[in-house]
Protein backbone atom coordinates (compact mmCIF):
# COMPACT_ATOMS: atom_id res chain seq x y z
CA MET A 1 -48.82 -256.98 -178.19
CA ALA A 2 -45.14 -256.26 -177.64
CA ASP A 3 -45.76 -255.03 -174.09
CA ASP A 4 -47.31 -258.35 -173.05
CA ILE A 5 -43.85 -259.30 -171.79
CA LEU A 6 -41.98 -256.84 -169.57
CA TYR A 7 -38.20 -256.83 -169.30
CA GLU A 8 -36.57 -254.84 -166.50
CA LYS A 9 -32.99 -254.37 -165.37
CA HIS A 10 -32.14 -254.67 -161.68
CA GLY A 11 -28.39 -254.30 -161.61
CA ARG A 12 -27.02 -257.53 -163.05
CA VAL A 13 -30.38 -259.27 -162.67
CA ARG A 14 -33.16 -259.17 -165.25
CA LEU A 15 -36.83 -259.40 -164.26
CA ILE A 16 -39.16 -260.85 -166.89
CA THR A 17 -42.90 -260.49 -166.30
CA ILE A 18 -45.65 -262.10 -168.36
CA ASP A 19 -48.10 -259.18 -168.30
CA ARG A 20 -51.33 -260.87 -169.38
CA ALA A 21 -53.11 -261.11 -166.03
CA ASP A 22 -56.55 -260.87 -167.65
CA LYS A 23 -55.70 -264.08 -169.52
CA MET A 24 -54.11 -265.82 -166.52
CA ASN A 25 -50.75 -264.99 -168.10
CA SER A 26 -51.30 -267.56 -170.80
CA LEU A 27 -49.21 -267.04 -173.94
CA ASP A 28 -50.50 -266.56 -177.45
CA PHE A 29 -48.13 -266.90 -180.40
CA ALA A 30 -47.10 -263.22 -180.34
CA ALA A 31 -46.35 -263.21 -176.60
CA ASN A 32 -44.50 -266.51 -176.91
CA ASP A 33 -42.33 -265.11 -179.69
CA ARG A 34 -41.66 -261.95 -177.68
CA LEU A 35 -40.64 -264.01 -174.65
CA THR A 36 -38.31 -266.06 -176.84
CA ASP A 37 -36.68 -262.86 -178.12
CA ILE A 38 -36.22 -261.64 -174.55
CA TRP A 39 -34.51 -264.87 -173.53
CA ARG A 40 -32.14 -264.47 -176.46
CA GLU A 41 -31.44 -260.89 -175.41
CA PHE A 42 -30.75 -262.02 -171.86
CA ALA A 43 -28.42 -264.79 -173.04
CA ALA A 44 -26.43 -262.37 -175.21
CA ASP A 45 -26.18 -259.60 -172.60
CA GLY A 46 -22.76 -259.81 -171.00
CA ASP A 47 -23.86 -257.64 -168.09
CA ALA A 48 -26.85 -259.86 -167.23
CA ARG A 49 -25.86 -262.57 -164.76
CA ALA A 50 -29.23 -264.00 -163.63
CA ALA A 51 -32.93 -263.72 -164.42
CA VAL A 52 -36.24 -263.96 -162.58
CA ILE A 53 -39.43 -264.76 -164.46
CA THR A 54 -42.90 -264.24 -162.98
CA GLY A 55 -46.47 -263.44 -163.97
CA ALA A 56 -48.44 -260.25 -163.46
CA GLY A 57 -51.16 -260.09 -160.82
CA ASP A 58 -51.83 -262.49 -157.96
CA LYS A 59 -53.57 -265.42 -159.63
CA ALA A 60 -51.26 -267.00 -162.15
CA PHE A 61 -47.63 -267.47 -163.07
CA CYS A 62 -48.62 -268.87 -166.44
CA ALA A 63 -51.71 -270.93 -167.28
CA GLY A 64 -50.11 -272.34 -170.41
CA ALA A 65 -51.06 -271.61 -173.98
CA ASP A 66 -53.82 -269.19 -174.87
CA LEU A 67 -55.99 -271.71 -176.66
CA LYS A 68 -57.91 -268.99 -178.46
CA SER A 69 -54.83 -268.47 -180.60
CA TYR A 70 -53.05 -271.81 -180.22
CA THR A 71 -54.71 -274.78 -181.82
CA ILE A 72 -54.19 -278.36 -180.77
CA ASP A 73 -53.83 -279.71 -184.28
CA TYR A 74 -50.05 -279.86 -184.59
CA ALA A 75 -50.01 -283.62 -184.71
CA THR A 76 -52.26 -283.62 -187.79
CA ARG A 77 -50.20 -281.07 -189.71
CA PRO A 78 -47.69 -282.09 -192.39
CA ALA A 79 -44.50 -283.34 -190.79
CA ALA A 80 -42.30 -280.58 -192.21
CA GLU A 81 -44.61 -277.86 -190.88
CA PHE A 82 -44.79 -279.54 -187.47
CA ARG A 83 -41.00 -279.75 -187.20
CA GLU A 84 -40.39 -276.18 -188.36
CA ARG A 85 -42.85 -274.52 -185.99
CA TYR A 86 -42.75 -276.84 -183.02
CA THR A 87 -40.40 -279.81 -182.73
CA ASP A 88 -37.34 -277.92 -184.01
CA GLY A 89 -38.39 -274.60 -182.50
CA THR A 90 -37.77 -273.21 -179.04
CA GLY A 91 -40.95 -274.67 -177.62
CA PHE A 92 -43.38 -273.02 -175.23
CA GLY A 93 -42.08 -270.04 -173.28
CA GLY A 94 -38.86 -269.80 -175.27
CA ILE A 95 -36.65 -272.00 -173.08
CA THR A 96 -38.42 -275.35 -173.00
CA ARG A 97 -36.71 -276.62 -176.14
CA GLY A 98 -33.88 -275.63 -178.45
CA LEU A 99 -32.65 -272.56 -176.55
CA GLU A 100 -30.23 -273.44 -173.79
CA ILE A 101 -29.19 -270.61 -171.47
CA ASP A 102 -26.18 -271.15 -169.26
CA LYS A 103 -27.04 -268.39 -166.77
CA PRO A 104 -29.14 -269.03 -163.64
CA ILE A 105 -32.89 -268.56 -164.04
CA VAL A 106 -35.32 -268.30 -161.11
CA ALA A 107 -39.08 -268.81 -161.49
CA ALA A 108 -41.20 -266.75 -159.07
CA ILE A 109 -44.47 -268.67 -159.27
CA ASN A 110 -47.25 -266.40 -158.06
CA GLY A 111 -50.29 -268.60 -158.65
CA PHE A 112 -51.32 -271.17 -161.24
CA ALA A 113 -48.54 -272.93 -163.16
CA ILE A 114 -50.54 -275.16 -165.44
CA SER A 115 -49.48 -277.41 -168.33
CA GLY A 116 -47.21 -275.27 -170.55
CA GLY A 117 -46.83 -272.80 -167.70
CA LEU A 118 -45.52 -275.56 -165.47
CA GLU A 119 -43.18 -276.70 -168.24
CA LEU A 120 -41.84 -273.14 -168.41
CA ALA A 121 -41.21 -273.23 -164.66
CA GLU A 122 -39.57 -276.65 -164.95
CA ALA A 123 -37.17 -275.25 -167.55
CA CYS A 124 -35.93 -272.73 -164.96
CA ASP A 125 -33.13 -273.72 -162.60
CA ILE A 126 -34.71 -272.71 -159.29
CA ARG A 127 -38.38 -272.32 -158.39
CA PHE A 128 -39.89 -270.21 -155.60
CA CYS A 129 -43.64 -269.88 -155.14
CA SER A 130 -46.34 -268.16 -153.11
CA PRO A 131 -48.76 -270.11 -150.85
CA ASN A 132 -51.59 -269.75 -153.39
CA ALA A 133 -49.62 -271.45 -156.16
CA GLU A 134 -51.07 -274.55 -157.79
CA PHE A 135 -49.34 -276.86 -160.23
CA ALA A 136 -50.65 -279.35 -162.78
CA HIS A 137 -50.01 -281.12 -166.04
CA GLN A 138 -53.63 -281.33 -167.13
CA ASP A 139 -52.92 -282.56 -170.65
CA VAL A 140 -54.29 -286.09 -170.11
CA ASN A 141 -57.68 -284.57 -169.36
CA TRP A 142 -57.87 -283.46 -172.99
CA GLY A 143 -56.29 -286.47 -174.70
CA PHE A 144 -52.61 -285.58 -174.96
CA HIS A 145 -49.51 -285.38 -172.78
CA PRO A 146 -46.90 -282.70 -171.97
CA CYS A 147 -44.88 -281.84 -175.05
CA ASP A 148 -42.59 -279.00 -173.91
CA GLY A 149 -40.35 -280.87 -171.52
CA GLY A 150 -42.80 -282.00 -168.84
CA CYS A 151 -42.31 -285.71 -169.46
CA VAL A 152 -38.55 -285.20 -169.46
CA ARG A 153 -37.78 -282.58 -166.82
CA LEU A 154 -40.39 -283.31 -164.17
CA PRO A 155 -39.03 -286.81 -163.37
CA GLN A 156 -35.57 -285.30 -163.01
CA ILE A 157 -36.88 -282.67 -160.59
CA VAL A 158 -39.29 -284.65 -158.40
CA GLY A 159 -38.47 -288.28 -159.15
CA LEU A 160 -40.23 -290.76 -161.39
CA GLY A 161 -43.01 -291.74 -158.99
CA ASN A 162 -44.10 -288.18 -158.25
CA ALA A 163 -43.90 -287.27 -161.93
CA MET A 164 -45.98 -290.30 -162.89
CA GLU A 165 -48.62 -289.30 -160.34
CA MET A 166 -48.85 -285.74 -161.64
CA ILE A 167 -48.70 -286.43 -165.37
CA LEU A 168 -50.87 -289.54 -165.51
CA SER A 169 -53.59 -288.15 -163.24
CA GLY A 170 -53.65 -284.55 -164.44
CA GLU A 171 -54.54 -283.51 -160.89
CA ARG A 172 -53.41 -280.26 -159.29
CA ILE A 173 -51.07 -280.06 -156.32
CA ASP A 174 -50.73 -277.13 -153.93
CA ALA A 175 -47.66 -275.19 -152.85
CA ALA A 176 -47.04 -277.27 -149.73
CA HIS A 177 -47.04 -280.53 -151.67
CA ALA A 178 -44.88 -278.98 -154.40
CA GLU A 179 -42.30 -278.05 -151.78
CA LYS A 180 -42.52 -281.50 -150.19
CA ILE A 181 -41.65 -283.29 -153.45
CA GLY A 182 -38.99 -280.77 -154.46
CA LEU A 183 -40.85 -279.11 -157.30
CA VAL A 184 -40.29 -275.74 -155.61
CA ASN A 185 -37.32 -274.75 -153.46
CA ARG A 186 -39.04 -272.28 -151.15
CA ILE A 187 -42.43 -270.70 -150.41
CA TYR A 188 -42.66 -266.95 -149.77
CA PRO A 189 -45.67 -264.73 -149.01
CA LEU A 190 -47.21 -263.49 -152.24
CA ALA A 191 -46.40 -259.85 -151.42
CA ASP A 192 -42.72 -260.73 -150.93
CA LEU A 193 -42.24 -263.33 -153.64
CA VAL A 194 -40.74 -261.23 -156.42
CA ALA A 195 -38.59 -259.18 -154.05
CA ARG A 196 -37.22 -262.30 -152.36
CA SER A 197 -36.63 -263.92 -155.74
CA LEU A 198 -34.73 -260.85 -156.92
CA GLU A 199 -32.67 -260.86 -153.73
CA PHE A 200 -31.69 -264.46 -154.35
CA ALA A 201 -30.96 -263.74 -158.00
CA GLU A 202 -28.66 -260.92 -156.86
CA VAL A 203 -26.76 -263.47 -154.79
CA LEU A 204 -26.50 -265.67 -157.87
CA ALA A 205 -25.30 -262.69 -159.90
CA SER A 206 -22.48 -262.10 -157.41
CA ARG A 207 -21.06 -265.59 -157.82
CA ALA A 208 -18.56 -266.75 -160.41
CA PRO A 209 -20.47 -266.93 -163.72
CA LEU A 210 -18.13 -269.41 -165.37
CA ALA A 211 -18.32 -271.74 -162.38
CA GLN A 212 -22.13 -271.53 -162.55
CA ARG A 213 -22.12 -272.15 -166.28
CA TYR A 214 -19.84 -275.15 -166.04
CA ALA A 215 -21.69 -276.59 -163.03
CA LYS A 216 -25.05 -276.19 -164.76
CA HIS A 217 -23.66 -277.96 -167.81
CA VAL A 218 -22.40 -280.88 -165.73
CA MET A 219 -25.65 -281.25 -163.77
CA LEU A 220 -27.85 -281.18 -166.87
CA ARG A 221 -25.64 -283.44 -169.00
CA SER A 222 -24.84 -286.07 -166.38
CA PHE A 223 -28.40 -287.30 -165.75
CA ASP A 224 -28.34 -290.05 -168.36
CA MET A 225 -24.63 -290.86 -168.13
CA PRO A 226 -23.06 -293.87 -166.45
CA MET A 227 -21.54 -292.80 -163.13
CA GLY A 228 -17.97 -293.14 -164.37
CA ASP A 229 -18.61 -290.95 -167.41
CA ALA A 230 -20.45 -288.38 -165.31
CA LEU A 231 -17.56 -288.14 -162.86
CA LYS A 232 -15.13 -287.69 -165.74
CA LEU A 233 -17.30 -284.89 -167.12
CA GLU A 234 -17.27 -283.18 -163.73
CA SER A 235 -13.51 -283.58 -163.36
CA ARG A 236 -12.86 -282.21 -166.84
CA SER A 237 -15.11 -279.25 -166.14
CA PHE A 238 -13.21 -278.53 -162.93
CA TYR A 239 -9.91 -278.71 -164.84
CA ASP A 240 -11.21 -276.24 -167.43
CA LEU A 241 -12.22 -273.81 -164.67
CA GLY A 242 -8.69 -273.96 -163.34
CA ARG A 243 -7.51 -272.27 -166.52
CA THR A 244 -9.76 -269.20 -166.13
CA GLU A 245 -9.08 -265.72 -164.77
CA ASP A 246 -12.07 -266.04 -162.46
CA ILE A 247 -10.53 -268.83 -160.41
CA ASN A 248 -7.42 -266.70 -159.88
CA GLU A 249 -9.61 -263.81 -158.77
CA GLY A 250 -11.59 -266.07 -156.46
CA THR A 251 -8.58 -267.57 -154.73
CA THR A 252 -6.90 -264.15 -154.46
CA ALA A 253 -10.05 -262.64 -152.95
CA PHE A 254 -10.17 -265.49 -150.44
CA ARG A 255 -6.60 -264.86 -149.34
CA GLU A 256 -7.19 -261.12 -149.13
CA LYS A 257 -10.48 -261.60 -147.26
CA ARG A 258 -12.53 -259.49 -149.69
CA PRO A 259 -15.46 -260.11 -152.04
CA ALA A 260 -14.42 -261.48 -155.41
CA ASP A 261 -14.96 -259.38 -158.54
CA PHE A 262 -15.65 -261.99 -161.19
CA LYS A 263 -15.45 -261.01 -164.85
CA GLY A 264 -16.59 -264.21 -166.48
CA ARG A 265 -13.23 -264.83 -168.07
């Protein structure tokens, strides 16, 4: 149903809620497509500066794919059909593959983040969670491995050893361990999680959007670069920012001791 995914405006922040609590906020094909459309709307909205994504209820952020509608037979389908629907698509949750968004995205993880749900959280830039949150890539229990970015992003977030432990064992970890290894940035009480996440997103929305966009680009692109090339990328990005209106506004605001009013130009 179209209302399985809620999209709310909070000033320059957008709150996205997977509203399928009775299904542990798992995504069927329709909900996945709706979420993908919402991400595209967010990316195109010039007034939207940051987003928070969470799940409805108090048990799950997202428990992955709704296996009553998803089937695990992609690998046996004809290659062209596999590529069209999956490999060349936007992946699970809309942002795990093929749809890159240069605005900050915060995941407010209010319970289980399992398999595809964890991959959705990993595709966000910043992750907050509640104390009841649990995380797992359980794919190896059923004969496959993460296929929506888990094998790629998780090592970048928590390091290779921690990622190997999670992905190869399929075991769950709790919120405290997730914070310890850097999978989540902060833990907030469940009742405060979304509000605190929105507060932080409002801070993000007040910062220079071009600087965020360029910095995000450098951080994501420099992982597999030799150090010299990565430093050149960073330097070039800084040079490009120096030619924007925002940097003039920022430096002027600093001299005048007032908040900057960034326009993203």
